[in-house]
Amino acid sequence: MRTPLRIASGAMAAIGAVSVAQAQLSFDTELLIQDTMFNNPVTVVVDADGVVHLAYTSQFSTNSDSKEVWYATNATGEWEYNQITDNNVREEFPYLMIDSAGVLHLTFHTGIPAGNQVRYTNSAIRPLTDAGEADLINITPDTDSYIFPKIDVDADGVVHFAFQTQRFGGIQDDVVYTTWDAVNGVGPLNFLTNNAALQHREPAIAIGPDGVVHIAYEEGNGIFANPLVYVNNDTPTGDFQTVGTGLFANVSRIGILADSTGKITIGFRNEDTFAIIESNGAGFTPMQDLTARGQFRAAFYDKFALGPDDKRYFAFCHNIGSLAQPGVYLVAETDTGFTEPIRMQGDAPQSNVSASVSVGQDGTIAVGYTFSDFQTTVVADLYIAISDDDACVADLNGDGVVDADDFFLFLQLFASGDPRADINGDGVIDADDFFGYLALFAQGC
């Protein structure tokens, strides 16, 4: 493993809680990288042993040949780092996932003379702690430009890719699908769109338990809002077909999930809210808002995840200061619905930040995210928040006992407006938090 250029800092305080009607979610948050680099965006996965894996881009600026893809893991108990790419061209937008066999898969796009090319590697080729340029596979030819790759892996170990073209001079972009496996290599490029009048951008992909490929993307000429298109290859010939969702709203920042029962969830930003639709056997349900209208605007590079019980988790960065409190938020599914947005971290400047969430088979939740005062600097700090099952939210002073000292401490925090008194994580300290803490106090630990 190469020596890391940047060293992690110490742990920060545990933060975050869900509705008191459910078991509490608490996180230990650590500032991993704080240096002079722009460490953004980040993507995170948790393996079956609860080990956390990260891939991120690090560069001296947001538009630079210094952009390189890095990998990090806490597998040994300490964070270790490896620079995957080192070729003096732009590498960016890494996407990391783990398959059912525990193999890590990494894709991203890299600069070439003609534009950008999709590249890929996995931990079966070489552990990502040691991987380098020699282990990377070119998924696309260098005769055109391709960007924003996303991947999923089927039960046979075949990797399925969805990405878009990057064309210039008024030529519209298309969504492209292909595959790779260790025996057959790269499959043919399948252009799912071909409409010279409309842009097709930022596809998301998921493989169902039956092997059906599901892809969702934006279609239109807007920048942050276009109609949603959903396609799958559940046809006798395996060709892709467009399937109506009944959604006619403009969307952006699309993600897609396929759970163990085959249910499809498509998440997206619609105006100033984060919303989903889901399949129900007869089509798709109406749009369901997961955040209050006009309160949150999910920013860039968000990622969605499924837990081992098919519960859904959505992480997003909200950086519009004129709306609700800016910061990094997590929405988690419970037995009775979705939590209110849990504020993982606050004080996010109006900037270009990323958030990614993953849930391991043991229930470990990890949220990776970056902060940057992008308006005044090109430096972005990288954080990781990992769920702490042993945390006791009611034990405010951390002495291992829930008693009068904790109650009076809460009263002080509540009266002073301290963020630690925001028990339900909605960004407001009010009567709901007071009665919520009373319930936790009575429950004890």
Protein backbone atom coordinates (compact mmCIF):
# COMPACT_ATOMS: atom_id res chain seq x y z
CA MET A 1 0.00 0.00 0.00
CA ARG A 2 1.29 3.45 -0.82
CA THR A 3 1.89 5.90 1.98
CA PRO A 4 -1.14 8.21 2.30
CA LEU A 5 -0.56 11.86 1.56
CA ARG A 6 -3.15 12.96 4.11
CA ILE A 7 -3.62 11.76 7.65
CA ALA A 8 -6.93 11.47 9.49
CA SER A 9 -7.69 13.62 12.49
CA GLY A 10 -9.25 12.48 15.77
CA ALA A 11 -12.85 11.48 16.33
CA MET A 12 -15.59 14.02 16.87
CA ALA A 13 -18.63 13.80 19.12
CA ALA A 14 -21.47 11.40 18.39
CA ILE A 15 -24.47 13.15 16.85
CA GLY A 16 -27.85 12.46 15.26
CA ALA A 17 -31.07 10.84 16.46
CA VAL A 18 -34.35 9.62 14.96
CA SER A 19 -37.89 9.85 16.25
CA VAL A 20 -38.15 8.65 19.84
CA ALA A 21 -40.83 6.19 18.76
CA GLN A 22 -38.02 4.14 17.21
CA ALA A 23 -34.67 2.89 18.41
CA GLN A 24 -32.19 5.75 18.48
CA LEU A 25 -29.60 6.19 15.74
CA SER A 26 -26.34 7.64 16.97
CA PHE A 27 -23.13 8.20 15.03
CA ASP A 28 -19.46 8.64 15.77
CA THR A 29 -18.21 11.25 13.33
CA GLU A 30 -14.58 11.54 12.29
CA LEU A 31 -12.82 14.15 10.21
CA LEU A 32 -10.71 11.98 7.91
CA ILE A 33 -9.00 14.50 5.68
CA GLN A 34 -8.41 18.20 6.22
CA ASP A 35 -5.71 19.57 3.98
CA THR A 36 -5.26 21.89 1.00
CA MET A 37 -7.01 19.54 -1.44
CA PHE A 38 -10.57 19.38 -2.82
CA ASN A 39 -11.56 15.90 -1.58
CA ASN A 40 -14.91 15.57 -3.34
CA PRO A 41 -17.11 13.71 -4.21
CA VAL A 42 -17.11 10.64 -1.95
CA THR A 43 -18.87 7.27 -2.19
CA VAL A 44 -19.05 4.77 0.70
CA VAL A 45 -19.89 1.08 1.21
CA VAL A 46 -20.01 -1.17 4.28
CA ASP A 47 -19.12 -4.85 3.93
CA ALA A 48 -20.61 -7.86 5.77
CA ASP A 49 -18.12 -7.47 8.63
CA GLY A 50 -19.00 -3.83 9.22
CA VAL A 51 -15.78 -2.60 7.59
CA VAL A 52 -16.16 0.76 5.84
CA HIS A 53 -14.72 1.46 2.39
CA LEU A 54 -14.47 4.87 0.70
CA ALA A 55 -13.61 6.10 -2.77
CA TYR A 56 -13.17 9.80 -3.44
CA THR A 57 -11.53 12.28 -5.76
CA SER A 58 -8.72 14.47 -4.47
CA GLN A 59 -7.36 17.40 -6.41
CA PHE A 60 -5.82 20.84 -6.12
CA SER A 61 -8.86 22.47 -7.69
CA THR A 62 -12.25 21.56 -9.14
CA ASN A 63 -11.01 21.57 -12.74
CA SER A 64 -7.50 20.26 -12.84
CA ASP A 65 -5.26 17.53 -14.20
CA SER A 66 -4.34 16.87 -10.56
CA LYS A 67 -7.66 15.06 -10.00
CA GLU A 68 -6.93 11.53 -8.80
CA VAL A 69 -9.09 8.72 -7.39
CA TRP A 70 -8.28 7.47 -3.89
CA TYR A 71 -9.50 4.52 -1.83
CA ALA A 72 -9.63 4.26 1.96
CA THR A 73 -10.71 1.60 4.47
CA ASN A 74 -10.75 1.02 8.23
CA ALA A 75 -10.32 -2.77 7.84
CA THR A 76 -7.30 -2.86 10.18
CA GLY A 77 -8.88 -0.59 12.78
CA GLU A 78 -6.95 2.40 11.45
CA TRP A 79 -7.74 4.28 8.27
CA GLU A 80 -5.48 3.31 5.37
CA TYR A 81 -5.31 5.13 2.04
CA ASN A 82 -4.27 4.19 -1.47
CA GLN A 83 -4.01 6.40 -4.55
CA ILE A 84 -5.63 4.34 -7.32
CA THR A 85 -4.77 6.64 -10.23
CA ASP A 86 -1.62 8.61 -10.91
CA ASN A 87 -1.43 9.69 -14.53
CA ASN A 88 -1.70 13.50 -14.61
CA VAL A 89 -5.14 13.60 -16.23
CA ARG A 90 -8.54 14.23 -14.70
CA GLU A 91 -10.14 11.35 -12.81
CA GLU A 92 -13.41 12.04 -11.05
CA PHE A 93 -16.87 10.92 -9.89
CA PRO A 94 -15.86 7.54 -8.41
CA TYR A 95 -18.69 5.11 -7.68
CA LEU A 96 -18.02 2.25 -5.27
CA MET A 97 -20.26 -0.75 -4.54
CA ILE A 98 -19.96 -4.23 -3.04
CA ASP A 99 -21.56 -7.41 -4.38
CA SER A 100 -23.06 -10.37 -2.54
CA ALA A 101 -19.71 -12.19 -2.64
CA GLY A 102 -17.96 -9.29 -0.90
CA VAL A 103 -16.10 -8.07 -3.98
CA LEU A 104 -15.62 -4.30 -4.16
CA HIS A 105 -16.28 -2.69 -7.54
CA LEU A 106 -15.00 0.78 -8.45
CA THR A 107 -15.74 2.85 -11.55
CA PHE A 108 -15.11 6.48 -12.51
CA HIS A 109 -14.41 8.58 -15.58
CA THR A 110 -11.00 9.78 -16.62
CA GLY A 111 -9.73 12.41 -19.01
CA ILE A 112 -8.41 11.46 -22.43
CA PRO A 113 -7.54 13.61 -25.45
CA ALA A 114 -11.05 13.15 -26.88
CA GLY A 115 -12.86 13.91 -23.60
CA ASN A 116 -13.52 11.32 -20.88
CA GLN A 117 -13.44 7.53 -20.66
CA VAL A 118 -15.11 5.16 -18.18
CA ARG A 119 -12.64 3.00 -16.24
CA TYR A 120 -13.19 0.16 -13.79
CA THR A 121 -11.50 -2.24 -11.38
CA ASN A 122 -12.47 -4.59 -8.57
CA SER A 123 -10.92 -6.16 -5.48
CA ALA A 124 -10.81 -9.62 -7.10
CA ILE A 125 -8.35 -8.28 -9.66
CA ARG A 126 -6.26 -6.75 -6.90
CA PRO A 127 -7.21 -5.54 -3.40
CA LEU A 128 -8.06 -1.87 -3.61
CA THR A 129 -5.47 -1.18 -0.91
CA ASP A 130 -2.84 -2.08 -3.55
CA ALA A 131 -4.60 -1.32 -6.86
CA GLY A 132 -3.07 1.06 -9.35
CA GLU A 133 -3.09 2.11 -12.99
CA ALA A 134 -2.14 -1.39 -14.20
CA ASP A 135 -5.33 -2.85 -12.70
CA LEU A 136 -7.75 -0.49 -14.45
CA ILE A 137 -9.95 -1.64 -17.34
CA ASN A 138 -11.14 0.72 -20.06
CA ILE A 139 -14.89 0.25 -20.41
CA THR A 140 -15.42 2.79 -23.20
CA PRO A 141 -13.38 3.55 -26.34
CA ASP A 142 -11.34 6.75 -26.53
CA THR A 143 -13.15 7.87 -29.68
CA ASP A 144 -15.93 9.59 -27.75
CA SER A 145 -16.44 11.07 -24.28
CA TYR A 146 -18.41 9.29 -21.51
CA ILE A 147 -19.09 10.47 -17.95
CA PHE A 148 -20.92 9.77 -14.65
CA PRO A 149 -20.77 5.95 -14.57
CA LYS A 150 -22.90 3.98 -12.11
CA ILE A 151 -22.78 0.20 -11.62
CA ASP A 152 -24.54 -2.78 -10.11
CA VAL A 153 -23.61 -6.47 -10.13
CA ASP A 154 -25.90 -9.42 -10.79
CA ALA A 155 -25.89 -12.86 -9.12
CA ASP A 156 -23.49 -14.22 -11.76
CA GLY A 157 -20.89 -11.55 -11.10
CA VAL A 158 -21.60 -9.59 -14.28
CA VAL A 159 -21.07 -5.85 -13.79
CA HIS A 160 -23.71 -3.63 -15.40
CA PHE A 161 -22.83 -0.03 -16.28
CA ALA A 162 -24.98 3.00 -17.03
CA PHE A 163 -23.42 6.34 -18.00
CA GLN A 164 -23.94 9.23 -20.39
CA THR A 165 -22.09 10.66 -23.33
CA GLN A 166 -20.41 14.05 -23.08
CA ARG A 167 -20.79 15.91 -26.33
CA PHE A 168 -20.09 19.50 -27.27
CA GLY A 169 -21.14 21.97 -29.94
CA GLY A 170 -24.89 21.66 -29.36
CA ILE A 171 -25.05 17.86 -29.82
CA GLN A 172 -27.29 16.30 -27.20
CA ASP A 173 -26.09 13.60 -24.80
CA ASP A 174 -27.33 10.01 -24.67
CA VAL A 175 -27.59 7.33 -21.97
CA VAL A 176 -25.45 4.25 -22.57
CA TYR A 177 -25.52 0.76 -21.06
CA THR A 178 -22.90 -1.98 -21.17
CA THR A 179 -21.54 -4.91 -19.15
CA TRP A 180 -18.24 -6.42 -18.07
CA ASP A 181 -17.27 -9.78 -16.65
CA ALA A 182 -13.97 -11.55 -16.15
CA VAL A 183 -14.63 -14.13 -18.90
CA ASN A 184 -16.16 -12.07 -21.71
CA GLY A 185 -14.69 -8.65 -20.99
CA VAL A 186 -16.55 -5.51 -22.04
CA GLY A 187 -19.86 -5.95 -23.84
CA PRO A 188 -21.11 -3.77 -26.72
CA LEU A 189 -22.25 -0.24 -25.99
CA ASN A 190 -26.04 -0.05 -26.00
CA PHE A 191 -27.31 3.48 -26.60
CA LEU A 192 -30.64 3.61 -24.78
CA THR A 193 -31.48 7.05 -26.18
CA ASN A 194 -31.07 8.75 -29.53
CA ASN A 195 -32.93 12.03 -29.65
CA ALA A 196 -31.09 14.98 -31.13
CA ALA A 197 -33.54 17.43 -29.57
CA LEU A 198 -33.26 16.34 -25.92
CA GLN A 199 -30.51 15.83 -23.38
CA HIS A 200 -30.34 12.52 -21.49
CA ARG A 201 -28.22 12.67 -18.37
CA GLU A 202 -27.02 11.18 -15.10
CA PRO A 203 -28.50 7.65 -15.20
CA ALA A 204 -28.82 5.45 -12.12
CA ILE A 205 -28.87 1.64 -12.30
CA ALA A 206 -30.04 -1.27 -10.15
CA ILE A 207 -30.29 -5.04 -10.70
CA GLY A 208 -33.35 -6.83 -9.34
CA PRO A 209 -33.23 -10.29 -7.68
CA ASP A 210 -34.54 -11.76 -10.95
CA GLY A 211 -31.65 -10.25 -12.93
CA VAL A 212 -33.75 -7.51 -14.53
CA VAL A 213 -31.80 -4.32 -15.16
CA HIS A 214 -33.50 -1.09 -14.06
CA ILE A 215 -32.25 2.33 -15.20
CA ALA A 216 -33.63 5.80 -14.47
CA TYR A 217 -32.40 9.09 -15.92
CA GLU A 218 -33.35 12.67 -16.74
CA GLU A 219 -34.63 13.63 -20.18
CA GLY A 220 -34.81 17.29 -21.12
CA ASN A 221 -32.84 20.44 -21.69
CA GLY A 222 -32.92 21.91 -18.20
CA ILE A 223 -29.99 22.03 -15.83
CA PHE A 224 -31.44 20.95 -12.49
CA ALA A 225 -34.95 19.82 -13.43
CA ASN A 226 -36.12 17.47 -16.19
CA PRO A 227 -38.75 14.75 -16.60
CA LEU A 228 -37.90 11.30 -15.23
CA VAL A 229 -37.52 8.33 -17.58
CA TYR A 230 -37.46 4.74 -16.31
CA VAL A 231 -36.50 1.72 -18.45
CA ASN A 232 -35.91 -1.98 -17.82
CA ASN A 233 -35.05 -5.06 -19.88
CA ASP A 234 -37.86 -7.24 -18.58
CA THR A 235 -38.79 -8.28 -22.11
CA PRO A 236 -38.69 -11.63 -23.96
CA THR A 237 -35.68 -10.47 -25.96
CA GLY A 238 -33.90 -8.70 -23.13
CA ASP A 239 -34.17 -5.39 -24.95
CA PHE A 240 -34.84 -2.26 -22.93
CA GLN A 241 -38.33 -0.80 -22.81
CA THR A 242 -39.61 2.48 -21.40
CA VAL A 243 -42.05 2.00 -18.53
CA GLY A 244 -44.36 4.78 -17.47
CA THR A 245 -44.17 5.86 -13.84
CA GLY A 246 -47.12 8.25 -13.75
CA LEU A 247 -44.75 10.98 -12.57
CA PHE A 248 -44.86 14.18 -14.59
CA ALA A 249 -42.88 16.44 -12.25
CA ASN A 250 -39.39 17.70 -13.03
CA VAL A 251 -36.64 15.87 -11.18
CA SER A 252 -32.88 15.86 -10.66
CA ARG A 253 -30.27 13.89 -8.67
CA ILE A 254 -31.89 10.54 -9.43
CA GLY A 255 -31.11 7.30 -7.62
CA ILE A 256 -32.68 3.85 -7.94
CA LEU A 257 -32.92 0.81 -5.64
CA ALA A 258 -34.14 -2.76 -6.19
CA ASP A 259 -34.84 -4.68 -2.98
CA SER A 260 -34.88 -8.43 -2.33
CA THR A 261 -38.55 -8.69 -3.31
CA GLY A 262 -38.06 -6.87 -6.60
CA LYS A 263 -39.66 -3.61 -5.44
CA ILE A 264 -38.15 -0.60 -7.23
CA THR A 265 -37.65 2.74 -5.50
CA ILE A 266 -36.66 5.83 -7.48
CA GLY A 267 -35.51 8.81 -5.42
CA PHE A 268 -34.96 12.34 -6.68
CA ARG A 269 -35.06 16.02 -5.94
CA ASN A 270 -38.24 17.80 -6.99
CA GLU A 271 -37.99 21.56 -6.53
CA ASP A 272 -37.07 22.09 -2.86
CA THR A 273 -37.91 18.62 -1.58
CA PHE A 274 -36.52 15.11 -1.66
CA ALA A 275 -39.07 12.54 -2.85
CA ILE A 276 -39.54 8.95 -3.99
CA ILE A 277 -41.85 6.79 -6.06
CA GLU A 278 -41.96 3.00 -5.72
CA SER A 279 -43.34 0.08 -7.70
CA ASN A 280 -46.39 -1.66 -6.27
CA GLY A 281 -47.12 -4.49 -8.72
CA ALA A 282 -49.42 -2.40 -10.88
CA GLY A 283 -47.12 0.51 -11.72
CA PHE A 284 -45.71 3.13 -9.40
CA THR A 285 -47.10 4.89 -6.37
CA PRO A 286 -47.67 8.66 -6.42
CA MET A 287 -44.73 10.85 -5.42
CA GLN A 288 -44.04 10.77 -1.69
CA ASP A 289 -42.16 13.69 -0.14
CA LEU A 290 -39.50 12.63 2.37
CA THR A 291 -38.72 16.23 3.30
CA ALA A 292 -41.07 19.15 3.85
CA ARG A 293 -41.84 21.20 0.75
CA GLY A 294 -39.68 24.29 0.52
CA GLN A 295 -37.43 23.19 3.37
CA PHE A 296 -34.61 21.17 1.81
CA ARG A 297 -32.89 21.16 -1.54
CA ALA A 298 -30.80 18.03 -1.99
CA ALA A 299 -27.49 19.01 -3.53
CA PHE A 300 -25.00 17.05 -5.60
CA TYR A 301 -23.75 13.46 -5.59
CA ASP A 302 -26.32 11.95 -3.26
CA LYS A 303 -26.48 8.18 -2.77
CA PHE A 304 -29.21 5.82 -1.56
CA ALA A 305 -28.85 2.47 0.20
CA LEU A 306 -30.74 -0.63 1.30
CA GLY A 307 -30.29 -2.25 4.68
CA PRO A 308 -30.25 -6.04 5.20
CA ASP A 309 -33.98 -5.90 6.03
CA ASP A 310 -34.74 -3.91 2.85
CA LYS A 311 -35.12 -0.70 4.86
CA ARG A 312 -34.16 2.32 2.75
CA TYR A 313 -31.70 5.09 3.63
CA PHE A 314 -31.17 8.38 1.82
CA ALA A 315 -28.26 10.77 2.47
CA PHE A 316 -28.16 14.24 1.00
CA CYS A 317 -26.42 17.58 1.38
CA HIS A 318 -28.57 20.65 1.75
CA ASN A 319 -26.64 23.87 1.28
CA ILE A 320 -29.23 26.56 0.59
CA GLY A 321 -28.97 28.98 3.46
CA SER A 322 -32.33 30.64 2.78
CA LEU A 323 -34.18 27.37 3.50
CA ALA A 324 -33.95 25.12 6.57
CA GLN A 325 -30.62 24.65 8.30
CA PRO A 326 -27.89 23.75 5.80
CA GLY A 327 -26.01 20.56 6.51
CA VAL A 328 -25.76 16.85 5.79
CA TYR A 329 -28.94 14.87 6.40
CA LEU A 330 -30.01 11.24 6.60
CA VAL A 331 -33.55 9.94 6.09
CA ALA A 332 -34.00 6.38 7.39
CA GLU A 333 -36.91 4.00 6.98
CA THR A 334 -38.45 2.44 10.09
CA ASP A 335 -41.28 -0.04 10.66
CA THR A 336 -43.77 2.84 10.68
CA GLY A 337 -42.43 5.00 7.85
CA PHE A 338 -39.53 7.37 7.28
CA THR A 339 -37.81 9.49 9.88
CA GLU A 340 -37.67 13.24 9.72
CA PRO A 341 -34.35 14.36 8.16
CA ILE A 342 -31.61 13.58 10.69
CA ARG A 343 -29.02 16.33 10.70
CA MET A 344 -25.70 14.50 10.58
CA GLN A 345 -23.59 17.63 10.45
CA GLY A 346 -24.34 21.33 10.31
CA ASP A 347 -22.74 24.59 9.30
CA ALA A 348 -22.47 23.59 5.65
CA PRO A 349 -21.56 26.62 3.57
CA GLN A 350 -23.31 27.26 0.28
CA SER A 351 -20.99 25.03 -1.62
CA ASN A 352 -20.50 21.92 -3.72
CA VAL A 353 -20.70 19.06 -1.22
CA SER A 354 -21.36 15.34 -1.46
CA ALA A 355 -23.04 12.69 0.69
CA SER A 356 -23.11 8.91 0.43
CA VAL A 357 -24.69 6.25 2.64
CA SER A 358 -24.28 2.48 2.96
CA VAL A 359 -25.64 -0.16 5.34
CA GLY A 360 -23.83 -3.42 6.04
CA GLN A 361 -25.36 -6.83 6.63
CA ASP A 362 -24.68 -6.40 10.35
CA GLY A 363 -26.69 -3.17 10.36
CA THR A 364 -23.71 -0.80 10.47
CA ILE A 365 -24.63 2.51 8.84
CA ALA A 366 -21.90 4.71 7.36
CA VAL A 367 -22.35 8.18 5.89
CA GLY A 368 -19.46 9.80 4.05
CA TYR A 369 -19.63 13.47 3.18
CA THR A 370 -17.57 16.53 2.30
CA PHE A 371 -17.71 20.19 3.29
CA SER A 372 -16.29 23.06 1.27
CA ASP A 373 -16.70 26.80 1.31
CA PHE A 374 -16.75 26.55 -2.44
CA GLN A 375 -17.54 30.24 -2.92
CA THR A 376 -14.18 31.30 -1.50
CA THR A 377 -11.92 28.24 -1.67
CA VAL A 378 -11.35 24.98 -3.53
CA VAL A 379 -10.59 23.04 -0.36
CA ALA A 380 -13.03 20.29 0.72
CA ASP A 381 -12.75 18.29 3.96
CA LEU A 382 -13.80 14.63 4.09
CA TYR A 383 -15.84 13.18 6.99
CA ILE A 384 -17.15 9.75 7.89
CA ALA A 385 -20.00 9.04 10.34
CA ILE A 386 -20.45 5.45 11.52
CA SER A 387 -23.41 4.28 13.58
CA ASP A 388 -22.76 3.52 17.23
CA ASP A 389 -25.10 0.78 18.47
CA ASP A 390 -23.78 1.11 22.02
CA ALA A 391 -24.63 4.79 22.31
CA CYS A 392 -27.20 5.83 24.90
CA VAL A 393 -28.78 9.11 23.85
CA ALA A 394 -30.28 9.78 27.29
CA ASP A 395 -26.85 9.53 28.94
CA LEU A 396 -25.89 13.09 28.09
CA ASN A 397 -22.86 13.35 30.34
CA GLY A 398 -21.50 9.99 29.21
CA ASP A 399 -20.96 8.50 32.67
CA GLY A 400 -22.82 5.29 31.81
CA VAL A 401 -25.78 6.08 34.05
CA VAL A 402 -29.04 7.83 33.20
CA ASP A 403 -29.89 9.88 36.26
CA ALA A 404 -30.79 13.35 37.53
CA ASP A 405 -27.46 14.75 36.33
CA ASP A 406 -28.44 13.95 32.75
CA PHE A 407 -31.92 15.44 33.21
CA PHE A 408 -30.63 18.75 34.57
CA LEU A 409 -27.95 18.84 31.88
CA PHE A 410 -30.65 18.46 29.23
CA LEU A 411 -32.58 21.35 30.79
CA GLN A 412 -29.47 23.53 30.50
CA LEU A 413 -28.89 22.50 26.89
CA PHE A 414 -32.55 23.04 26.06
CA ALA A 415 -32.62 26.50 27.63
CA SER A 416 -29.43 27.60 25.84
CA GLY A 417 -30.51 26.24 22.43
CA ASP A 418 -27.58 23.82 22.31
CA PRO A 419 -27.79 21.47 19.26
CA ARG A 420 -27.45 18.48 21.59
CA ALA A 421 -30.97 19.23 22.79
CA ASP A 422 -32.36 18.68 19.28
CA ILE A 423 -33.46 15.14 20.15
CA ASN A 424 -35.50 14.47 17.00
CA GLY A 425 -32.86 15.99 14.71
CA ASP A 426 -35.25 18.32 12.88
CA GLY A 427 -33.06 21.40 13.34
CA VAL A 428 -35.48 23.04 15.80
CA ILE A 429 -35.31 22.82 19.58
CA ASP A 430 -38.88 22.85 20.84
CA ALA A 431 -41.44 20.98 22.94
CA ASP A 432 -41.12 17.87 20.77
CA ASP A 433 -37.50 17.56 21.85
CA PHE A 434 -38.39 18.13 25.51
CA PHE A 435 -41.01 15.39 25.59
CA GLY A 436 -38.82 13.21 23.41
CA TYR A 437 -36.01 13.39 25.95
CA LEU A 438 -38.44 12.63 28.77
CA ALA A 439 -39.37 9.42 26.96
CA LEU A 440 -35.72 8.48 26.50
CA PHE A 441 -34.94 9.31 30.12
CA ALA A 442 -37.76 7.07 31.32
CA GLN A 443 -36.53 4.30 29.03
CA GLY A 444 -32.99 4.46 30.39
CA CYS A 445 -30.15 2.46 28.83
